N, C-alpha and C. Protein backbone atom coordinates (compact mmCIF):
# COMPACT_ATOMS: atom_id res chain seq x y z
N MET A 1 74.40 -31.15 -28.84
CA MET A 1 73.11 -31.38 -28.27
C MET A 1 73.21 -32.03 -26.91
N LYS A 2 74.27 -32.76 -26.70
CA LYS A 2 74.41 -33.44 -25.43
C LYS A 2 74.49 -32.44 -24.28
N ASN A 3 75.11 -31.29 -24.48
CA ASN A 3 75.25 -30.29 -23.43
C ASN A 3 73.90 -29.72 -23.03
N ARG A 4 73.02 -29.47 -24.02
CA ARG A 4 71.69 -28.94 -23.70
C ARG A 4 70.88 -29.98 -22.93
N SER A 5 70.99 -31.22 -23.31
CA SER A 5 70.28 -32.30 -22.62
C SER A 5 70.80 -32.44 -21.18
N ASP A 6 72.09 -32.36 -21.00
CA ASP A 6 72.68 -32.43 -19.66
C ASP A 6 72.25 -31.23 -18.82
N LEU A 7 72.20 -30.06 -19.45
CA LEU A 7 71.80 -28.85 -18.74
C LEU A 7 70.33 -28.95 -18.30
N ALA A 8 69.46 -29.42 -19.17
CA ALA A 8 68.04 -29.57 -18.84
C ALA A 8 67.87 -30.59 -17.72
N GLN A 9 68.63 -31.67 -17.79
CA GLN A 9 68.53 -32.69 -16.75
C GLN A 9 69.04 -32.13 -15.41
N ALA A 10 70.09 -31.36 -15.43
CA ALA A 10 70.63 -30.77 -14.20
C ALA A 10 69.64 -29.76 -13.61
N GLN A 11 68.95 -28.99 -14.46
CA GLN A 11 67.95 -28.05 -13.97
C GLN A 11 66.77 -28.78 -13.36
N ALA A 12 66.35 -29.88 -13.96
CA ALA A 12 65.24 -30.66 -13.42
C ALA A 12 65.60 -31.24 -12.06
N VAL A 13 66.83 -31.74 -11.92
CA VAL A 13 67.28 -32.28 -10.64
C VAL A 13 67.35 -31.18 -9.60
N ALA A 14 67.83 -30.01 -9.97
CA ALA A 14 67.92 -28.88 -9.03
C ALA A 14 66.54 -28.45 -8.57
N ALA A 15 65.57 -28.41 -9.49
CA ALA A 15 64.20 -28.02 -9.13
C ALA A 15 63.60 -29.04 -8.17
N THR A 16 63.83 -30.32 -8.42
CA THR A 16 63.33 -31.38 -7.54
C THR A 16 63.98 -31.27 -6.17
N ASP A 17 65.28 -31.00 -6.12
CA ASP A 17 65.98 -30.84 -4.85
C ASP A 17 65.45 -29.64 -4.07
N THR A 18 65.14 -28.55 -4.77
CA THR A 18 64.60 -27.35 -4.12
C THR A 18 63.23 -27.64 -3.52
N ARG A 19 62.37 -28.33 -4.28
CA ARG A 19 61.04 -28.69 -3.76
C ARG A 19 61.17 -29.60 -2.55
N SER A 20 62.05 -30.56 -2.63
CA SER A 20 62.25 -31.48 -1.50
C SER A 20 62.74 -30.73 -0.27
N ALA A 21 63.64 -29.80 -0.48
CA ALA A 21 64.16 -29.01 0.65
C ALA A 21 63.06 -28.15 1.27
N LEU A 22 62.20 -27.55 0.43
CA LEU A 22 61.10 -26.74 0.95
C LEU A 22 60.12 -27.59 1.74
N TRP A 23 59.79 -28.79 1.24
CA TRP A 23 58.89 -29.68 1.96
C TRP A 23 59.48 -30.05 3.31
N LEU A 24 60.77 -30.32 3.34
CA LEU A 24 61.44 -30.68 4.59
C LEU A 24 61.40 -29.52 5.58
N VAL A 25 61.61 -28.31 5.10
CA VAL A 25 61.56 -27.13 5.97
C VAL A 25 60.15 -26.96 6.54
N PHE A 26 59.12 -27.07 5.70
CA PHE A 26 57.74 -26.94 6.17
C PHE A 26 57.37 -28.06 7.14
N LEU A 27 57.82 -29.26 6.87
CA LEU A 27 57.55 -30.39 7.76
C LEU A 27 58.20 -30.16 9.13
N LEU A 28 59.44 -29.77 9.15
CA LEU A 28 60.13 -29.51 10.42
C LEU A 28 59.50 -28.34 11.18
N LEU A 29 59.10 -27.31 10.45
CA LEU A 29 58.43 -26.18 11.09
C LEU A 29 57.11 -26.61 11.71
N GLY A 30 56.35 -27.43 11.01
CA GLY A 30 55.09 -27.93 11.54
C GLY A 30 55.29 -28.77 12.79
N VAL A 31 56.27 -29.65 12.77
CA VAL A 31 56.57 -30.48 13.94
C VAL A 31 56.98 -29.60 15.11
N PHE A 32 57.80 -28.62 14.86
CA PHE A 32 58.24 -27.70 15.92
C PHE A 32 57.06 -26.97 16.53
N LEU A 33 56.14 -26.46 15.70
CA LEU A 33 54.99 -25.73 16.22
C LEU A 33 54.07 -26.63 17.03
N ILE A 34 53.87 -27.85 16.59
CA ILE A 34 53.03 -28.79 17.33
C ILE A 34 53.65 -29.11 18.68
N LEU A 35 54.93 -29.38 18.70
CA LEU A 35 55.60 -29.69 19.96
C LEU A 35 55.64 -28.49 20.90
N ALA A 36 55.80 -27.32 20.35
CA ALA A 36 55.82 -26.12 21.20
C ALA A 36 54.47 -25.87 21.84
N ALA A 37 53.39 -26.17 21.13
CA ALA A 37 52.05 -25.94 21.68
C ALA A 37 51.66 -27.00 22.70
N CYS A 38 52.21 -28.19 22.59
CA CYS A 38 51.81 -29.28 23.47
C CYS A 38 52.32 -29.11 24.90
N GLY A 39 53.47 -28.60 25.09
CA GLY A 39 54.06 -28.56 26.42
C GLY A 39 53.89 -27.23 27.13
N ARG A 40 52.74 -26.60 27.02
CA ARG A 40 52.55 -25.26 27.57
C ARG A 40 51.84 -25.29 28.93
N ASN A 41 52.19 -26.22 29.80
CA ASN A 41 51.55 -26.30 31.11
C ASN A 41 51.86 -25.10 32.00
N GLU A 42 52.92 -24.37 31.69
CA GLU A 42 53.22 -23.20 32.52
C GLU A 42 52.17 -22.11 32.36
N ASP A 43 51.40 -22.15 31.26
CA ASP A 43 50.33 -21.19 31.06
C ASP A 43 49.02 -21.64 31.70
N ARG A 44 48.95 -22.89 32.12
CA ARG A 44 47.74 -23.43 32.72
C ARG A 44 47.83 -23.30 34.24
N ILE A 45 46.68 -23.31 34.87
CA ILE A 45 46.63 -23.19 36.32
C ILE A 45 46.17 -24.52 36.89
N ALA A 46 46.89 -25.02 37.87
CA ALA A 46 46.52 -26.26 38.53
C ALA A 46 45.61 -25.95 39.72
N PHE A 47 44.63 -26.79 39.92
CA PHE A 47 43.73 -26.69 41.06
C PHE A 47 43.83 -28.00 41.83
N ASP A 48 44.11 -27.90 43.12
CA ASP A 48 44.28 -29.08 43.96
C ASP A 48 45.34 -30.01 43.37
N GLY A 49 46.37 -29.40 42.76
CA GLY A 49 47.48 -30.16 42.19
C GLY A 49 47.21 -30.82 40.85
N GLN A 50 46.07 -30.54 40.24
CA GLN A 50 45.69 -31.17 38.97
C GLN A 50 45.34 -30.11 37.92
N PHE A 51 45.47 -30.50 36.66
CA PHE A 51 45.04 -29.65 35.56
C PHE A 51 43.68 -30.14 35.07
N TYR A 52 42.79 -29.21 34.77
CA TYR A 52 41.43 -29.54 34.34
C TYR A 52 41.12 -28.86 33.02
N ASN A 53 40.21 -29.46 32.28
CA ASN A 53 39.69 -28.85 31.06
C ASN A 53 38.33 -28.25 31.42
N ALA A 54 38.25 -26.94 31.43
CA ALA A 54 37.00 -26.25 31.75
C ALA A 54 36.54 -25.50 30.50
N LYS A 55 35.28 -25.74 30.12
CA LYS A 55 34.72 -25.07 28.95
C LYS A 55 33.43 -24.38 29.34
N LEU A 56 33.33 -23.12 29.00
CA LEU A 56 32.15 -22.33 29.31
C LEU A 56 31.35 -22.10 28.04
N LYS A 57 30.03 -22.28 28.15
CA LYS A 57 29.13 -22.01 27.02
C LYS A 57 28.00 -21.12 27.50
N ARG A 58 27.61 -20.18 26.63
CA ARG A 58 26.44 -19.35 26.93
C ARG A 58 25.17 -20.18 26.82
N ILE A 59 24.17 -19.83 27.60
CA ILE A 59 22.89 -20.52 27.55
C ILE A 59 21.88 -19.62 26.83
N ASP A 60 21.17 -20.18 25.88
CA ASP A 60 20.10 -19.48 25.17
C ASP A 60 20.53 -18.16 24.56
N ARG A 61 21.75 -18.10 24.06
CA ARG A 61 22.28 -16.91 23.37
C ARG A 61 22.30 -15.66 24.24
N GLN A 62 22.15 -15.83 25.53
CA GLN A 62 22.25 -14.69 26.44
C GLN A 62 23.67 -14.67 27.00
N PHE A 63 24.30 -13.51 26.94
CA PHE A 63 25.69 -13.42 27.34
C PHE A 63 25.89 -13.62 28.84
N ASN A 64 24.90 -13.28 29.65
CA ASN A 64 25.13 -13.38 31.09
C ASN A 64 24.86 -14.79 31.64
N LEU A 65 24.06 -15.61 30.96
CA LEU A 65 23.78 -16.97 31.41
C LEU A 65 24.81 -17.93 30.82
N PHE A 66 25.35 -18.82 31.66
CA PHE A 66 26.40 -19.71 31.18
C PHE A 66 26.33 -21.06 31.88
N SER A 67 27.02 -22.02 31.26
CA SER A 67 27.21 -23.36 31.81
C SER A 67 28.70 -23.68 31.67
N VAL A 68 29.29 -24.23 32.73
CA VAL A 68 30.71 -24.60 32.70
C VAL A 68 30.81 -26.11 32.88
N SER A 69 31.54 -26.76 31.98
CA SER A 69 31.82 -28.19 32.08
C SER A 69 33.29 -28.37 32.44
N VAL A 70 33.56 -29.17 33.47
CA VAL A 70 34.93 -29.37 33.94
C VAL A 70 35.23 -30.87 33.99
N THR A 71 36.34 -31.27 33.37
CA THR A 71 36.79 -32.66 33.41
C THR A 71 38.27 -32.71 33.76
N PRO A 72 38.78 -33.72 34.35
CA PRO A 72 38.13 -34.90 34.92
C PRO A 72 37.83 -34.69 36.41
N VAL A 73 36.62 -34.93 36.79
CA VAL A 73 36.22 -34.82 38.20
C VAL A 73 36.92 -35.89 39.02
N SER A 74 37.22 -37.02 38.41
CA SER A 74 37.86 -38.12 39.12
C SER A 74 39.22 -37.74 39.69
N ALA A 75 39.86 -36.71 39.14
CA ALA A 75 41.14 -36.26 39.67
C ALA A 75 40.97 -35.63 41.05
N SER A 76 39.93 -34.82 41.22
CA SER A 76 39.61 -34.20 42.51
C SER A 76 38.35 -33.36 42.33
N LEU A 77 37.34 -33.66 43.10
CA LEU A 77 36.10 -32.89 43.02
C LEU A 77 36.34 -31.45 43.46
N ASP A 78 37.11 -31.26 44.53
CA ASP A 78 37.40 -29.90 45.00
C ASP A 78 38.16 -29.10 43.94
N GLY A 79 39.13 -29.73 43.30
CA GLY A 79 39.87 -29.06 42.24
C GLY A 79 38.99 -28.71 41.05
N ALA A 80 38.09 -29.63 40.69
CA ALA A 80 37.17 -29.38 39.57
C ALA A 80 36.23 -28.22 39.90
N ARG A 81 35.76 -28.16 41.14
CA ARG A 81 34.90 -27.04 41.56
C ARG A 81 35.63 -25.71 41.40
N GLU A 82 36.87 -25.66 41.85
CA GLU A 82 37.63 -24.41 41.76
C GLU A 82 38.00 -24.06 40.32
N ALA A 83 38.27 -25.05 39.49
CA ALA A 83 38.56 -24.80 38.07
C ALA A 83 37.32 -24.22 37.38
N GLY A 84 36.15 -24.74 37.72
CA GLY A 84 34.90 -24.21 37.15
C GLY A 84 34.63 -22.80 37.62
N ARG A 85 34.86 -22.55 38.91
CA ARG A 85 34.66 -21.21 39.45
C ARG A 85 35.59 -20.22 38.74
N TYR A 86 36.85 -20.61 38.57
CA TYR A 86 37.84 -19.75 37.92
C TYR A 86 37.40 -19.41 36.49
N GLU A 87 36.94 -20.43 35.75
CA GLU A 87 36.50 -20.20 34.37
C GLU A 87 35.33 -19.23 34.33
N ALA A 88 34.37 -19.39 35.23
CA ALA A 88 33.19 -18.52 35.28
C ALA A 88 33.58 -17.09 35.65
N ILE A 89 34.43 -16.95 36.65
CA ILE A 89 34.86 -15.60 37.06
C ILE A 89 35.62 -14.92 35.94
N SER A 90 36.50 -15.64 35.27
CA SER A 90 37.24 -15.05 34.14
C SER A 90 36.29 -14.56 33.06
N TYR A 91 35.26 -15.35 32.76
CA TYR A 91 34.28 -14.97 31.75
C TYR A 91 33.52 -13.71 32.17
N CYS A 92 33.05 -13.69 33.40
CA CYS A 92 32.25 -12.54 33.86
C CYS A 92 33.09 -11.26 33.94
N VAL A 93 34.31 -11.37 34.41
CA VAL A 93 35.17 -10.19 34.50
C VAL A 93 35.48 -9.66 33.10
N THR A 94 35.78 -10.56 32.18
CA THR A 94 36.10 -10.14 30.81
C THR A 94 34.91 -9.49 30.11
N ASN A 95 33.71 -10.05 30.29
CA ASN A 95 32.55 -9.58 29.54
C ASN A 95 31.67 -8.57 30.27
N PHE A 96 31.72 -8.56 31.60
CA PHE A 96 30.83 -7.68 32.36
C PHE A 96 31.56 -6.80 33.37
N GLY A 97 32.86 -7.01 33.54
CA GLY A 97 33.63 -6.19 34.45
C GLY A 97 33.38 -6.48 35.92
N THR A 98 32.79 -7.63 36.22
CA THR A 98 32.51 -7.98 37.61
C THR A 98 32.72 -9.48 37.82
N SER A 99 33.07 -9.83 39.04
CA SER A 99 33.22 -11.24 39.38
C SER A 99 32.00 -11.77 40.13
N ASP A 100 30.95 -10.95 40.21
CA ASP A 100 29.73 -11.35 40.90
C ASP A 100 28.94 -12.34 40.05
N ILE A 101 28.64 -13.49 40.62
CA ILE A 101 27.93 -14.54 39.90
C ILE A 101 26.76 -15.04 40.75
N ALA A 102 25.61 -15.15 40.13
CA ALA A 102 24.45 -15.78 40.78
C ALA A 102 24.42 -17.22 40.27
N TRP A 103 24.79 -18.16 41.12
CA TRP A 103 24.87 -19.57 40.74
C TRP A 103 23.50 -20.24 40.87
N THR A 104 23.12 -21.00 39.85
CA THR A 104 21.95 -21.86 39.95
C THR A 104 22.38 -23.28 40.31
N SER A 105 23.56 -23.64 39.90
CA SER A 105 24.20 -24.90 40.28
C SER A 105 25.68 -24.58 40.41
N GLY A 106 26.09 -24.19 41.62
CA GLY A 106 27.41 -23.62 41.80
C GLY A 106 28.43 -24.54 42.43
N PRO A 107 29.67 -24.07 42.50
CA PRO A 107 30.76 -24.87 43.04
C PRO A 107 30.67 -25.07 44.55
N ASP A 108 29.92 -24.23 45.24
CA ASP A 108 29.82 -24.36 46.70
C ASP A 108 28.63 -25.20 47.14
N ALA A 109 27.81 -25.65 46.20
CA ALA A 109 26.63 -26.44 46.55
C ALA A 109 27.05 -27.80 47.09
N GLU A 110 26.29 -28.32 48.06
CA GLU A 110 26.58 -29.65 48.60
C GLU A 110 26.36 -30.71 47.53
N GLU A 111 25.29 -30.59 46.77
CA GLU A 111 24.99 -31.52 45.68
C GLU A 111 25.36 -30.84 44.36
N VAL A 112 26.26 -31.45 43.63
CA VAL A 112 26.68 -30.89 42.34
C VAL A 112 26.18 -31.78 41.22
N THR A 113 26.12 -31.22 40.02
CA THR A 113 25.67 -31.97 38.86
C THR A 113 26.87 -32.62 38.19
N LEU A 114 26.82 -33.95 38.09
CA LEU A 114 27.88 -34.70 37.43
C LEU A 114 27.31 -35.40 36.21
N ASP A 115 28.06 -35.39 35.14
CA ASP A 115 27.71 -36.12 33.92
C ASP A 115 28.91 -37.00 33.59
N GLY A 116 28.91 -38.21 34.11
CA GLY A 116 30.08 -39.07 33.96
C GLY A 116 31.23 -38.51 34.77
N ASP A 117 32.33 -38.20 34.10
CA ASP A 117 33.51 -37.64 34.76
C ASP A 117 33.58 -36.12 34.57
N THR A 118 32.42 -35.52 34.33
CA THR A 118 32.34 -34.07 34.07
C THR A 118 31.47 -33.38 35.12
N LEU A 119 32.00 -32.32 35.71
CA LEU A 119 31.24 -31.46 36.62
C LEU A 119 30.57 -30.38 35.78
N VAL A 120 29.28 -30.15 36.03
CA VAL A 120 28.54 -29.12 35.28
C VAL A 120 28.05 -28.06 36.26
N LEU A 121 28.48 -26.83 36.03
CA LEU A 121 28.05 -25.68 36.84
C LEU A 121 27.24 -24.74 35.97
N GLN A 122 26.28 -24.03 36.58
CA GLN A 122 25.49 -23.05 35.83
C GLN A 122 25.29 -21.82 36.68
N GLY A 123 25.24 -20.68 36.00
CA GLY A 123 25.02 -19.43 36.70
C GLY A 123 24.85 -18.29 35.73
N SER A 124 24.83 -17.08 36.30
CA SER A 124 24.73 -15.88 35.48
C SER A 124 25.60 -14.79 36.06
N CYS A 125 26.21 -14.04 35.19
CA CYS A 125 27.01 -12.89 35.61
C CYS A 125 26.06 -11.78 36.02
N GLU A 126 26.30 -11.20 37.18
CA GLU A 126 25.45 -10.11 37.65
C GLU A 126 25.99 -8.78 37.13
N GLU A 127 25.10 -7.99 36.59
CA GLU A 127 25.53 -6.71 36.00
C GLU A 127 25.34 -5.58 36.98
């Protein structure tokens, strides 16, 4: 009977070791994927030597009307203006096949809309 007990104990230890090894593999894979995604600045475009977070949202569920929020303006207002323009042009080209934009609050305006450290641009893609 001792052999069966030893065999069962050895199988239990092997199963625990296999689970531990799988958890370690998944943990290392997760860490690798997170680190790989974090350092992807080569895919980003710098404006005026800075990187900006630009987010475009449709206004009133209409695809051609949009608002672009760009942060941080404190890095460079000129860079933030160009980052917002780039985001808007990319959206219009992708969705309407044109880079023509009618700005209601645009990057070339003397007075721009600021919300804290965020530049807010608005316009519509011309069809």
